[in-house]
Protein backbone atom coordinates (compact mmCIF):
# COMPACT_ATOMS: atom_id res chain seq x y z
CA MET A 1 63.51 -159.74 -70.33
CA VAL A 2 63.62 -158.89 -74.03
CA PHE A 3 65.17 -155.50 -73.32
CA GLN A 4 67.79 -157.06 -71.03
CA LEU A 5 68.80 -159.47 -73.79
CA ILE A 6 69.01 -156.66 -76.34
CA SER A 7 71.04 -154.52 -73.91
CA ARG A 8 73.52 -157.37 -73.44
CA TYR A 9 73.69 -157.80 -77.20
CA CYS A 10 74.39 -154.06 -77.54
CA SER A 11 77.26 -154.33 -75.06
CA TRP A 12 78.73 -157.20 -77.03
CA LEU A 13 78.34 -155.25 -80.28
CA ALA A 14 80.04 -152.22 -78.80
CA ASP A 15 83.04 -154.42 -78.07
CA THR A 16 83.14 -156.23 -81.40
CA ALA A 17 82.04 -153.22 -83.52
CA SER A 18 81.36 -155.58 -86.44
CA ASP A 19 79.62 -153.87 -89.35
CA LYS A 20 77.51 -156.96 -89.99
CA ALA A 21 76.56 -157.17 -86.32
CA GLN A 22 75.57 -153.50 -86.29
CA ASP A 23 73.49 -154.03 -89.43
CA ALA A 24 71.75 -156.94 -87.72
CA LEU A 25 71.00 -154.82 -84.66
CA LEU A 26 69.51 -152.02 -86.78
CA THR A 27 67.34 -154.54 -88.61
CA VAL A 28 66.02 -155.92 -85.31
CA LEU A 29 65.33 -152.46 -83.87
CA ALA A 30 63.60 -151.32 -87.07
CA ALA A 31 61.13 -154.19 -86.66
CA GLY A 32 59.81 -152.69 -83.42
CA PRO A 33 57.95 -149.42 -82.86
CA VAL A 34 60.01 -146.68 -84.51
CA PRO A 35 59.53 -142.96 -83.79
CA ARG A 36 58.33 -140.90 -86.73
CA HIS A 37 60.13 -137.71 -85.67
CA VAL A 38 63.33 -137.39 -83.65
CA ALA A 39 64.96 -134.04 -82.87
CA PHE A 40 68.50 -133.38 -81.64
CA VAL A 41 70.07 -130.48 -79.78
CA MET A 42 73.61 -130.99 -81.08
CA ASP A 43 75.38 -129.71 -77.98
CA GLY A 44 78.97 -130.04 -76.82
CA ASN A 45 81.05 -129.27 -79.92
CA ARG A 46 83.15 -126.62 -78.18
CA ARG A 47 83.74 -128.65 -75.03
CA TYR A 48 84.65 -131.64 -77.19
CA ALA A 49 87.19 -129.47 -79.01
CA ARG A 50 88.74 -128.28 -75.75
CA MET A 51 88.89 -131.83 -74.41
CA HIS A 52 90.78 -132.98 -77.51
CA ASN A 53 92.97 -129.86 -77.78
CA LYS A 54 91.33 -128.90 -81.06
CA ARG A 55 90.23 -125.56 -82.42
CA VAL A 56 86.57 -124.66 -81.97
CA PHE A 57 86.04 -124.86 -85.73
CA GLU A 58 87.34 -128.44 -85.72
CA GLY A 59 84.83 -129.30 -83.02
CA HIS A 60 81.99 -127.98 -85.18
CA SER A 61 83.39 -129.83 -88.20
CA ASP A 62 83.49 -133.09 -86.25
CA GLY A 63 79.93 -132.29 -85.18
CA PHE A 64 78.89 -132.33 -88.83
CA LEU A 65 80.40 -135.80 -89.21
CA ALA A 66 78.28 -136.87 -86.24
CA LEU A 67 75.19 -135.47 -87.98
CA ARG A 68 75.89 -137.62 -91.03
CA ARG A 69 76.43 -140.66 -88.80
CA VAL A 70 73.26 -140.15 -86.76
CA LEU A 71 71.14 -139.30 -89.80
CA LYS A 72 72.23 -142.52 -91.49
CA ILE A 73 71.29 -144.50 -88.37
CA CYS A 74 67.85 -142.86 -88.31
CA MET A 75 67.31 -143.56 -91.99
CA ARG A 76 68.30 -147.21 -91.51
CA LEU A 77 65.70 -147.39 -88.73
CA ASN A 78 63.05 -145.85 -91.02
CA VAL A 79 62.61 -142.72 -88.91
CA ARG A 80 60.45 -140.46 -91.07
CA CYS A 81 61.74 -137.06 -89.89
CA VAL A 82 64.91 -135.79 -88.18
CA SER A 83 65.23 -132.21 -86.91
CA VAL A 84 68.53 -130.76 -85.70
CA TYR A 85 69.27 -127.52 -83.84
CA ALA A 86 72.19 -126.29 -85.94
CA PHE A 87 72.30 -122.58 -85.05
CA ALA A 88 70.22 -120.70 -82.49
CA LEU A 89 69.29 -117.05 -82.87
CA GLU A 90 71.30 -116.49 -79.68
CA ASN A 91 74.39 -117.90 -81.40
CA PHE A 92 74.80 -114.64 -83.31
CA LYS A 93 76.12 -113.27 -79.99
CA ARG A 94 79.19 -115.50 -80.20
CA THR A 95 82.52 -114.13 -81.41
CA PRO A 96 82.54 -112.92 -85.03
CA GLU A 97 85.25 -115.49 -85.78
CA GLU A 98 83.14 -118.41 -84.56
CA VAL A 99 79.98 -117.19 -86.31
CA GLN A 100 81.95 -116.76 -89.54
CA ALA A 101 83.37 -120.28 -89.23
CA LEU A 102 79.89 -121.72 -88.65
CA MET A 103 78.52 -119.89 -91.68
CA ASN A 104 81.39 -121.19 -93.82
CA LEU A 105 80.71 -124.72 -92.62
CA ALA A 106 76.98 -124.40 -93.29
CA GLU A 107 77.53 -123.11 -96.81
CA GLU A 108 79.92 -125.95 -97.64
CA LYS A 109 78.09 -128.84 -96.00
CA LEU A 110 74.54 -127.95 -97.05
CA LEU A 111 75.43 -128.42 -100.70
CA GLU A 112 77.76 -131.35 -100.05
CA MET A 113 74.99 -133.37 -98.37
CA CYS A 114 72.65 -132.91 -101.33
CA GLN A 115 74.96 -134.02 -104.14
CA HIS A 116 74.04 -137.03 -106.26
CA GLY A 117 75.06 -140.21 -104.48
CA GLU A 118 75.41 -138.49 -101.11
CA LEU A 119 73.38 -139.30 -98.00
CA LEU A 120 70.21 -137.31 -98.75
CA ASP A 121 70.08 -138.62 -102.30
CA GLU A 122 70.74 -142.20 -101.18
CA PHE A 123 67.86 -142.23 -98.70
CA GLY A 124 65.48 -139.88 -100.55
CA VAL A 125 65.58 -137.18 -97.87
CA ARG A 126 64.04 -133.76 -98.43
CA LEU A 127 66.00 -130.99 -96.72
CA ASN A 128 64.33 -127.98 -95.10
CA VAL A 129 66.15 -125.11 -93.42
CA LEU A 130 63.83 -123.71 -90.74
CA GLY A 131 64.34 -120.37 -89.05
CA LYS A 132 64.93 -116.71 -89.83
CA THR A 133 67.01 -117.47 -92.89
CA GLU A 134 66.93 -113.80 -93.90
CA LEU A 135 69.49 -113.21 -91.13
CA LEU A 136 72.01 -115.54 -92.77
CA PRO A 137 74.74 -114.10 -95.04
CA PRO A 138 73.56 -113.90 -98.68
CA ARG A 139 75.96 -116.66 -99.78
CA VAL A 140 74.51 -119.00 -97.14
CA GLN A 141 70.96 -118.06 -98.13
CA LEU A 142 71.89 -119.03 -101.69
CA ALA A 143 73.24 -122.38 -100.49
CA VAL A 144 70.00 -122.94 -98.55
CA ARG A 145 67.85 -122.30 -101.62
CA LYS A 146 70.01 -124.58 -103.77
CA ALA A 147 70.00 -127.39 -101.21
CA GLU A 148 66.23 -127.23 -100.76
CA GLU A 149 65.71 -127.16 -104.52
CA MET A 150 68.03 -130.13 -105.07
CA THR A 151 66.05 -132.29 -102.63
CA ARG A 152 62.50 -131.01 -103.11
CA HIS A 153 61.41 -134.13 -105.03
CA ASN A 154 62.71 -136.50 -102.33
CA ASP A 155 59.76 -137.96 -100.47
CA ARG A 156 60.97 -140.85 -98.31
CA ALA A 157 62.17 -138.82 -95.32
CA ILE A 158 62.67 -135.26 -94.03
CA LEU A 159 65.69 -133.49 -92.53
CA ASN A 160 64.92 -130.17 -90.84
CA ILE A 161 68.03 -128.10 -90.19
CA CYS A 162 66.97 -125.39 -87.77
CA MET A 163 69.14 -122.31 -88.35
CA PRO A 164 68.95 -119.61 -87.19
CA TYR A 165 66.08 -120.79 -85.03
CA GLY A 166 64.33 -119.86 -81.79
CA ALA A 167 61.14 -121.47 -80.52
CA ARG A 168 59.74 -118.23 -79.11
CA ASP A 169 60.24 -116.58 -82.50
CA ASP A 170 58.60 -119.60 -84.18
CA ILE A 171 55.55 -119.39 -81.90
CA THR A 172 55.27 -115.60 -82.25
CA ALA A 173 55.38 -115.85 -86.05
CA ALA A 174 52.81 -118.66 -86.02
CA VAL A 175 50.39 -116.63 -83.88
CA SER A 176 50.84 -113.61 -86.13
CA SER A 177 50.18 -115.68 -89.27
CA ALA A 178 47.11 -117.30 -87.72
CA VAL A 179 45.70 -113.87 -86.83
CA GLN A 180 46.37 -112.54 -90.32
CA ASP A 181 44.61 -115.53 -91.88
CA ALA A 182 41.60 -115.00 -89.62
CA LEU A 183 41.40 -111.31 -90.48
CA GLN A 184 41.52 -112.04 -94.20
CA ASP A 185 38.81 -114.72 -94.04
CA PRO A 186 35.41 -113.27 -93.03
CA THR A 187 34.01 -116.80 -92.61
CA ALA A 188 36.73 -117.83 -90.15
CA HIS A 189 36.00 -118.53 -86.49
CA PRO A 190 36.62 -115.37 -84.42
CA GLU A 191 38.86 -117.23 -81.96
CA ILE A 192 42.38 -118.43 -82.72
CA THR A 193 42.70 -122.07 -81.69
CA GLU A 194 45.66 -124.21 -80.72
CA SER A 195 45.31 -126.01 -84.06
CA ASP A 196 45.50 -122.70 -85.93
CA ILE A 197 48.82 -121.87 -84.28
CA ASP A 198 50.17 -125.39 -84.70
CA ALA A 199 49.45 -125.30 -88.43
CA HIS A 200 51.66 -122.22 -88.86
CA LEU A 201 54.73 -123.52 -87.01
CA LYS A 202 57.78 -124.01 -89.18
CA THR A 203 57.84 -127.76 -88.62
CA SER A 204 54.18 -128.02 -89.64
CA LEU A 205 54.77 -125.95 -92.76
CA ALA A 206 57.57 -128.40 -93.58
CA ARG A 207 55.04 -131.27 -93.26
CA SER A 208 56.83 -132.82 -90.29
CA PRO A 209 55.01 -135.39 -88.13
CA PRO A 210 54.50 -134.77 -84.40
CA LEU A 211 57.68 -134.88 -82.32
CA ASP A 212 58.22 -138.25 -80.61
CA ILE A 213 61.71 -137.88 -79.11
CA LEU A 214 63.93 -134.90 -78.37
CA VAL A 215 67.57 -135.70 -77.56
CA ARG A 216 70.05 -133.25 -76.09
CA THR A 217 73.69 -134.25 -75.87
CA SER A 218 76.56 -133.08 -73.59
CA GLY A 219 74.76 -133.61 -70.27
CA VAL A 220 73.00 -130.23 -70.20
CA LYS A 221 69.34 -130.61 -69.23
CA ARG A 222 67.43 -127.75 -70.81
CA LEU A 223 65.70 -127.11 -74.13
CA SER A 224 67.41 -123.79 -74.95
CA ASP A 225 64.47 -122.34 -76.90
CA TYR A 226 64.16 -125.33 -79.23
CA LEU A 227 60.82 -126.77 -80.41
CA LEU A 228 59.07 -125.67 -77.22
CA TRP A 229 55.58 -125.88 -78.70
CA GLN A 230 56.29 -129.18 -80.44
CA CYS A 231 57.35 -130.82 -77.15
CA CYS A 232 53.97 -132.08 -75.93
CA GLU A 233 52.98 -134.66 -73.31
CA ASP A 234 53.74 -137.49 -75.75
CA THR A 235 57.28 -136.28 -76.53
CA GLN A 236 60.03 -138.19 -74.75
CA LEU A 237 62.88 -135.94 -73.57
CA GLN A 238 66.23 -137.72 -73.50
CA PHE A 239 69.49 -136.24 -72.18
CA SER A 240 72.80 -137.87 -73.08
CA SER A 241 76.09 -137.05 -71.37
CA THR A 242 78.01 -137.71 -74.61
CA TYR A 243 79.31 -134.68 -76.50
CA TRP A 244 77.66 -134.39 -79.91
CA PRO A 245 80.76 -135.18 -82.04
CA ASP A 246 81.08 -138.51 -80.17
CA PHE A 247 77.36 -139.36 -80.29
CA GLY A 248 76.59 -142.51 -82.25
CA LEU A 249 74.75 -145.80 -82.43
CA TRP A 250 75.64 -146.95 -78.91
CA ASP A 251 74.29 -143.71 -77.46
CA PHE A 252 71.11 -143.85 -79.52
CA VAL A 253 70.20 -147.51 -78.98
CA PRO A 254 69.25 -147.10 -75.27
CA ILE A 255 67.12 -144.08 -76.21
CA LEU A 256 65.30 -146.07 -78.87
CA LEU A 257 64.87 -149.06 -76.56
CA ASP A 258 63.35 -146.79 -73.92
CA TYR A 259 60.93 -145.41 -76.53
CA GLN A 260 59.96 -148.91 -77.68
CA ARG A 261 59.51 -150.10 -74.09
CA LYS A 262 57.13 -147.22 -73.36
CA VAL A 263 55.17 -147.74 -76.58
CA TRP A 264 54.77 -151.43 -75.86
CA SER A 265 53.83 -150.70 -72.25
CA GLN A 266 51.14 -148.25 -73.34
CA SER A 267 49.77 -150.74 -75.86
CA GLN A 268 49.28 -153.28 -73.06
CA GLN A 269 47.19 -150.91 -70.96
CA PRO A 270 43.44 -151.64 -71.27
CA SER A 271 41.51 -148.85 -72.94
CA LEU A 272 38.52 -147.40 -71.14
CA SER A 273 35.24 -148.14 -72.89
CA PRO A 274 32.00 -146.19 -72.27
CA SER A 275 30.52 -149.18 -70.43
CA SER A 276 33.44 -149.30 -67.97
CA SER A 277 33.22 -145.64 -66.97
C-alpha cells in the first residue's frame, strides 16, 4: 500500500515537476533504506544522438549532463558510492574520431567537476578513475591525476569513473596481485582465497562498499564486462529502457522503491535460530 501511494505521488510529481515537490520526494526516499553503492552502465548515448538528429559527440556530451544529474540525485539520497562505466577497454575499437572526442570530453569534464563550488566539492565526493589508465592519452592521464588530487580529502562520498575498464582485466589483475603478495609473505596461507582476490579489485582498493544496485540504461540486458565479480547474490540488477542522456529522477525512483521494498521484505522474514533448526 505504501509503495502504491508513493508511486501515485511520483506520477503526480512527474506531471507538476515542481522543484519543491521533487525535494520533498527525495527527503522521503532518503528516510528509507538507501543503497550504499549504485553502479551505472551509461548506455544509449549514440542511439539517443541518432534519435534526436545530433552528432555522436553531442550524445556523449548530453550523457555527461545526465551523469551530473544522476550523481546529484544519489548524493541527495545519501548514497555513499556511485560507480559509472564511462569507457570500456573494448571502446578503443571504435572509430578514431569517436575515441578522440571521448578523450577530449573526459579531459575537460574531469577537471570541471572537481572545481571549487562544483558538484564534487559541494557534496564532498572523492573521485577515483578505475581502469588501465596507462592506456589513456598523456593529457587525459594528467587530468586524471589532477582530478584525483583535487578531491582526495573529500570523505563524504565516492565517485568511481571506470575508464578504460574491463571486469575480466580487473579480476585477472587482482588474482595476479594476490599471488604476488602470497609469494612475498612466507607466513601467508598457501591458498589464494576469495577474500584475497576481492581485496585487490579496483573498487576495493578505492574503498568502495559492496555493490547493492547495478543499473543499465537503453534497454540492453547484459553486463558488458562491467563489475562482474562485484555483482554478487545481493546485488540487484536493474535494466531501464531509457537512453542514458534522458535518464533522471523519474527513472531512478522505481528502481530505488524496488530496492527498498526488497530490503523491507527481507527484514520481515524470521531469522533461523539454532533451536529452530
